[in-house]
Amino acid sequence: MNPQKKGWLYVFFCVLFFACVCGCFIICENYTVNCIYESVTSSFTSNPPFTV
């Protein structure tokens, strides 16, 4: 196995790893944002701070 191929393999695994980490962060962030949004909207609808 020549060093050039090994380098490309290393880069590929690094990109794959970062893609997985970024994907996990994006998924977790979306879930937390949805949870916060739902809790805020539910609290607003059950106890509105202002009258429309």
PDB file of N, CA and C in Angstrom:
ATOM      1  N   MET A   1       0.852  -1.193   0.000  1.00  0.00           N
ATOM      2  CA  MET A   1       0.000   0.000   0.000  1.00  0.00           C
ATOM      3  C   MET A   1       0.895   1.252   0.000  1.00  0.00           C
ATOM      4  N   ASN A   2       0.791   2.069  -1.026  1.00  0.00           N
ATOM      5  CA  ASN A   2       1.667   3.237  -1.104  1.00  0.00           C
ATOM      6  C   ASN A   2       1.142   4.374  -0.210  1.00  0.00           C
ATOM      7  N   PRO A   3       2.001   5.285   0.203  1.00  0.00           N
ATOM      8  CA  PRO A   3       1.598   6.332   1.157  1.00  0.00           C
ATOM      9  C   PRO A   3       0.494   7.246   0.632  1.00  0.00           C
ATOM     10  N   GLN A   4       0.467   7.463  -0.676  1.00  0.00           N
ATOM     11  CA  GLN A   4      -0.556   8.364  -1.228  1.00  0.00           C
ATOM     12  C   GLN A   4      -1.955   7.798  -0.961  1.00  0.00           C
ATOM     13  N   LYS A   5      -2.150   6.497  -1.216  1.00  0.00           N
ATOM     14  CA  LYS A   5      -3.464   5.885  -0.975  1.00  0.00           C
ATOM     15  C   LYS A   5      -3.787   5.920   0.512  1.00  0.00           C
ATOM     16  N   LYS A   6      -2.770   5.676   1.354  1.00  0.00           N
ATOM     17  CA  LYS A   6      -3.006   5.693   2.794  1.00  0.00           C
ATOM     18  C   LYS A   6      -3.472   7.085   3.238  1.00  0.00           C
ATOM     19  N   GLY A   7      -2.853   8.117   2.671  1.00  0.00           N
ATOM     20  CA  GLY A   7      -3.239   9.487   3.012  1.00  0.00           C
ATOM     21  C   GLY A   7      -4.685   9.764   2.628  1.00  0.00           C
ATOM     22  N   TRP A   8      -5.066   9.322   1.435  1.00  0.00           N
ATOM     23  CA  TRP A   8      -6.449   9.542   0.997  1.00  0.00           C
ATOM     24  C   TRP A   8      -7.426   8.793   1.897  1.00  0.00           C
ATOM     25  N   LEU A   9      -7.039   7.584   2.321  1.00  0.00           N
ATOM     26  CA  LEU A   9      -7.898   6.799   3.203  1.00  0.00           C
ATOM     27  C   LEU A   9      -8.077   7.525   4.535  1.00  0.00           C
ATOM     28  N   TYR A  10      -6.976   8.082   5.043  1.00  0.00           N
ATOM     29  CA  TYR A  10      -7.025   8.835   6.303  1.00  0.00           C
ATOM     30  C   TYR A  10      -7.951  10.037   6.179  1.00  0.00           C
ATOM     31  N   VAL A  11      -7.804  10.776   5.071  1.00  0.00           N
ATOM     32  CA  VAL A  11      -8.663  11.947   4.829  1.00  0.00           C
ATOM     33  C   VAL A  11     -10.125  11.518   4.736  1.00  0.00           C
ATOM     34  N   PHE A  12     -10.364  10.397   4.029  1.00  0.00           N
ATOM     35  CA  PHE A  12     -11.734   9.912   3.864  1.00  0.00           C
ATOM     36  C   PHE A  12     -12.364   9.583   5.213  1.00  0.00           C
ATOM     37  N   PHE A  13     -11.594   8.892   6.083  1.00  0.00           N
ATOM     38  CA  PHE A  13     -12.133   8.529   7.388  1.00  0.00           C
ATOM     39  C   PHE A  13     -12.354   9.769   8.248  1.00  0.00           C
ATOM     40  N   CYS A  14     -11.464  10.745   8.137  1.00  0.00           N
ATOM     41  CA  CYS A  14     -11.643  11.994   8.893  1.00  0.00           C
ATOM     42  C   CYS A  14     -12.926  12.706   8.463  1.00  0.00           C
ATOM     43  N   VAL A  15     -13.130  12.804   7.153  1.00  0.00           N
ATOM     44  CA  VAL A  15     -14.337  13.459   6.631  1.00  0.00           C
ATOM     45  C   VAL A  15     -15.576  12.699   7.087  1.00  0.00           C
ATOM     46  N   LEU A  16     -15.516  11.374   7.014  1.00  0.00           N
ATOM     47  CA  LEU A  16     -16.648  10.553   7.427  1.00  0.00           C
ATOM     48  C   LEU A  16     -16.953  10.772   8.907  1.00  0.00           C
ATOM     49  N   PHE A  17     -15.895  10.798   9.723  1.00  0.00           N
ATOM     50  CA  PHE A  17     -16.067  10.989  11.168  1.00  0.00           C
ATOM     51  C   PHE A  17     -16.706  12.345  11.452  1.00  0.00           C
ATOM     52  N   PHE A  18     -16.174  13.400  10.810  1.00  0.00           N
ATOM     53  CA  PHE A  18     -16.722  14.735  11.044  1.00  0.00           C
ATOM     54  C   PHE A  18     -18.159  14.838  10.545  1.00  0.00           C
ATOM     55  N   ALA A  19     -18.469  14.153   9.441  1.00  0.00           N
ATOM     56  CA  ALA A  19     -19.836  14.171   8.928  1.00  0.00           C
ATOM     57  C   ALA A  19     -20.785  13.525   9.930  1.00  0.00           C
ATOM     58  N   CYS A  20     -20.344  12.413  10.537  1.00  0.00           N
ATOM     59  CA  CYS A  20     -21.180  11.744  11.535  1.00  0.00           C
ATOM     60  C   CYS A  20     -21.388  12.636  12.746  1.00  0.00           C
ATOM     61  N   VAL A  21     -20.313  13.278  13.212  1.00  0.00           N
ATOM     62  CA  VAL A  21     -20.415  14.146  14.389  1.00  0.00           C
ATOM     63  C   VAL A  21     -21.341  15.327  14.096  1.00  0.00           C
ATOM     64  N   CYS A  22     -21.147  15.943  12.927  1.00  0.00           N
ATOM     65  CA  CYS A  22     -21.998  17.083  12.553  1.00  0.00           C
ATOM     66  C   CYS A  22     -23.448  16.636  12.429  1.00  0.00           C
ATOM     67  N   GLY A  23     -23.677  15.472  11.831  1.00  0.00           N
ATOM     68  CA  GLY A  23     -25.037  14.955  11.688  1.00  0.00           C
ATOM     69  C   GLY A  23     -25.686  14.737  13.048  1.00  0.00           C
ATOM     70  N   CYS A  24     -24.918  14.166  13.975  1.00  0.00           N
ATOM     71  CA  CYS A  24     -25.453  13.931  15.321  1.00  0.00           C
ATOM     72  C   CYS A  24     -25.798  15.256  15.984  1.00  0.00           C
ATOM     73  N   PHE A  25     -24.908  16.238  15.861  1.00  0.00           N
ATOM     74  CA  PHE A  25     -25.170  17.539  16.475  1.00  0.00           C
ATOM     75  C   PHE A  25     -26.407  18.189  15.866  1.00  0.00           C
ATOM     76  N   ILE A  26     -26.542  18.099  14.541  1.00  0.00           N
ATOM     77  CA  ILE A  26     -27.696  18.709  13.862  1.00  0.00           C
ATOM     78  C   ILE A  26     -28.983  18.023  14.316  1.00  0.00           C
ATOM     79  N   ILE A  27     -28.965  16.682  14.387  1.00  0.00           N
ATOM     80  CA  ILE A  27     -30.158  15.946  14.795  1.00  0.00           C
ATOM     81  C   ILE A  27     -30.527  16.305  16.239  1.00  0.00           C
ATOM     82  N   CYS A  28     -29.511  16.298  17.126  1.00  0.00           N
ATOM     83  CA  CYS A  28     -29.776  16.625  18.535  1.00  0.00           C
ATOM     84  C   CYS A  28     -30.298  18.051  18.654  1.00  0.00           C
ATOM     85  N   GLU A  29     -29.697  18.971  17.899  1.00  0.00           N
ATOM     86  CA  GLU A  29     -30.113  20.369  17.965  1.00  0.00           C
ATOM     87  C   GLU A  29     -31.555  20.510  17.488  1.00  0.00           C
ATOM     88  N   ASN A  30     -31.902  19.813  16.404  1.00  0.00           N
ATOM     89  CA  ASN A  30     -33.271  19.886  15.903  1.00  0.00           C
ATOM     90  C   ASN A  30     -34.251  19.368  16.950  1.00  0.00           C
ATOM     91  N   TYR A  31     -33.896  18.258  17.611  1.00  0.00           N
ATOM     92  CA  TYR A  31     -34.790  17.699  18.625  1.00  0.00           C
ATOM     93  C   TYR A  31     -34.952  18.665  19.790  1.00  0.00           C
ATOM     94  N   THR A  32     -33.854  19.254  20.269  1.00  0.00           N
ATOM     95  CA  THR A  32     -33.946  20.162  21.410  1.00  0.00           C
ATOM     96  C   THR A  32     -34.727  21.414  21.028  1.00  0.00           C
ATOM     97  N   VAL A  33     -34.490  21.931  19.814  1.00  0.00           N
ATOM     98  CA  VAL A  33     -35.228  23.114  19.363  1.00  0.00           C
ATOM     99  C   VAL A  33     -36.718  22.803  19.295  1.00  0.00           C
ATOM    100  N   ASN A  34     -37.066  21.631  18.749  1.00  0.00           N
ATOM    101  CA  ASN A  34     -38.477  21.245  18.661  1.00  0.00           C
ATOM    102  C   ASN A  34     -39.085  21.113  20.049  1.00  0.00           C
ATOM    103  N   CYS A  35     -38.336  20.496  20.974  1.00  0.00           N
ATOM    104  CA  CYS A  35     -38.848  20.326  22.330  1.00  0.00           C
ATOM    105  C   CYS A  35     -39.075  21.678  22.990  1.00  0.00           C
ATOM    106  N   ILE A  36     -38.092  22.582  22.867  1.00  0.00           N
ATOM    107  CA  ILE A  36     -38.232  23.910  23.473  1.00  0.00           C
ATOM    108  C   ILE A  36     -39.395  24.653  22.821  1.00  0.00           C
ATOM    109  N   TYR A  37     -39.480  24.578  21.496  1.00  0.00           N
ATOM    110  CA  TYR A  37     -40.551  25.272  20.779  1.00  0.00           C
ATOM    111  C   TYR A  37     -41.915  24.746  21.215  1.00  0.00           C
ATOM    112  N   GLU A  38     -42.050  23.428  21.334  1.00  0.00           N
ATOM    113  CA  GLU A  38     -43.333  22.846  21.736  1.00  0.00           C
ATOM    114  C   GLU A  38     -43.689  23.247  23.167  1.00  0.00           C
ATOM    115  N   SER A  39     -42.700  23.212  24.060  1.00  0.00           N
ATOM    116  CA  SER A  39     -42.990  23.571  25.453  1.00  0.00           C
ATOM    117  C   SER A  39     -43.380  25.043  25.553  1.00  0.00           C
ATOM    118  N   VAL A  40     -42.685  25.895  24.804  1.00  0.00           N
ATOM    119  CA  VAL A  40     -42.994  27.331  24.841  1.00  0.00           C
ATOM    120  C   VAL A  40     -44.379  27.591  24.270  1.00  0.00           C
ATOM    121  N   THR A  41     -44.680  26.986  23.115  1.00  0.00           N
ATOM    122  CA  THR A  41     -45.989  27.214  22.498  1.00  0.00           C
ATOM    123  C   THR A  41     -47.102  26.652  23.372  1.00  0.00           C
ATOM    124  N   SER A  42     -46.871  25.497  23.991  1.00  0.00           N
ATOM    125  CA  SER A  42     -47.912  24.910  24.845  1.00  0.00           C
ATOM    126  C   SER A  42     -48.136  25.784  26.073  1.00  0.00           C
ATOM    127  N   SER A  43     -47.051  26.327  26.636  1.00  0.00           N
ATOM    128  CA  SER A  43     -47.213  27.195  27.810  1.00  0.00           C
ATOM    129  C   SER A  43     -47.922  28.487  27.404  1.00  0.00           C
ATOM    130  N   PHE A  44     -47.628  28.994  26.221  1.00  0.00           N
ATOM    131  CA  PHE A  44     -48.291  30.211  25.744  1.00  0.00           C
ATOM    132  C   PHE A  44     -49.783  29.959  25.512  1.00  0.00           C
ATOM    133  N   THR A  45     -50.112  28.813  24.929  1.00  0.00           N
ATOM    134  CA  THR A  45     -51.518  28.540  24.627  1.00  0.00           C
ATOM    135  C   THR A  45     -52.295  28.263  25.910  1.00  0.00           C
ATOM    136  N   SER A  46     -51.658  27.608  26.898  1.00  0.00           N
ATOM    137  CA  SER A  46     -52.368  27.304  28.143  1.00  0.00           C
ATOM    138  C   SER A  46     -52.448  28.534  29.046  1.00  0.00           C
ATOM    139  N   ASN A  47     -51.407  29.379  29.002  1.00  0.00           N
ATOM    140  CA  ASN A  47     -51.382  30.566  29.850  1.00  0.00           C
ATOM    141  C   ASN A  47     -50.797  31.726  29.038  1.00  0.00           C
ATOM    142  N   PRO A  48     -51.606  32.345  28.184  1.00  0.00           N
ATOM    143  CA  PRO A  48     -51.075  33.393  27.308  1.00  0.00           C
ATOM    144  C   PRO A  48     -50.701  34.648  28.093  1.00  0.00           C
ATOM    145  N   PRO A  49     -49.516  35.211  27.862  1.00  0.00           N
ATOM    146  CA  PRO A  49     -49.089  36.418  28.574  1.00  0.00           C
ATOM    147  C   PRO A  49     -49.779  37.674  28.056  1.00  0.00           C
ATOM    148  N   PHE A  50     -50.424  37.560  26.901  1.00  0.00           N
ATOM    149  CA  PHE A  50     -51.115  38.731  26.356  1.00  0.00           C
ATOM    150  C   PHE A  50     -52.441  38.291  25.735  1.00  0.00           C
ATOM    151  N   THR A  51     -53.402  39.197  25.697  1.00  0.00           N
ATOM    152  CA  THR A  51     -54.711  38.876  25.129  1.00  0.00           C
ATOM    153  C   THR A  51     -54.764  39.387  23.695  1.00  0.00           C
ATOM    154  N   VAL A  52     -55.280  38.537  22.794  1.00  0.00           N
ATOM    155  CA  VAL A  52     -55.346  38.917  21.382  1.00  0.00           C
ATOM    156  C   VAL A  52     -56.749  39.391  21.074  1.00  0.00           C
TER     157      VAL A  52
END
